[in-house]
């Protein structure tokens, strides 16, 4: 498996994997995968990765800004998606650890994610990569007329934006 920088030509494969995650009902409030234009403008231009195996894209990871305010320029939200056929093989781990490295190379000091509590695999993946749970946002939004909770987690960089004593 190779982790490499995302290229625009990868988007149809990324979009398919994104939709697979959406179809589980436990990946995002999004009901359909975003178009290229929507996805491209919602993500940082840096820290976009794909996992490739035998010339096939089997996963992707990217960061989106949480705000356009300058004070939050070093805070980003994490997205990691793995193709259904590649789950349970360490693809998510490779993508997330590479994404953390990329984020720090681009002056991101705080990563966050909001994960449905039912998505145990994603919660475990993030915890294994230094994320900590902040709390549960109860009934944050409706999905198919059902109120859903999300677990809010974060990871503070130990090398970027380090707070002195």
Foldseek 3Di string as FASTA:
>chain_A
DDKDADDLVCVVLAQVQVQVQLVVVWQDLDNHRDDSVVVVVQFDPWLWIFDDDPNHTFKIKTWGQPDPDPVRPQETEIHITGHPVCPPPCPSLVSVVVSVVRSVVVQRFKYKYWGFPVPVVVVVSVVVVAKDWPAKAWQPDDHPNDRTITTIIMHGDPRHPHDDD
